[in-house]
Amino acid sequence: MFAAKNVRAIKQSAVIASMLGFIFWTSMVFLGIMIHSMEYPRNHPEEAYMWIASMAGPIPLALMSVLIMATSISTVSGIIQAMATAISNDIAKQIDIQISNEKALKVTRIS
């Protein structure tokens, strides 16, 4: 399903993505623990986001909003790319039934 230059590039991206994911997850866990120790967000969880923004100011609010939008757009982009790759591969195999996997992968990469 990956359309990369070679296997090494896939392995490198998997390692980097897992490290970045772990760093992000750890920071969010510590942020959650710190926020949970405060009285107001624990009693009013539906207002915690705006409470943090009022305490921290507009710049952290903007950064959190950008992170939320970036993750949403990234998820949609990844889904669209995976669908396009699968559809291109299926079409290439329907056009030429005898096509090898290597040629189908090249067609998928080009399209």
Foldseek 3Di string as FASTA:
>chain_A
DDQDPDPVVVVVVVVVVVVVVVVVVVVVVVVVVVLCVDDVCVVPVVCSLVVVCVVPDDPVNVVVVVVVVVVVVVVVVVVVLVVLLVVQLVVVCVVPVPDDPVVSSVSSVVD
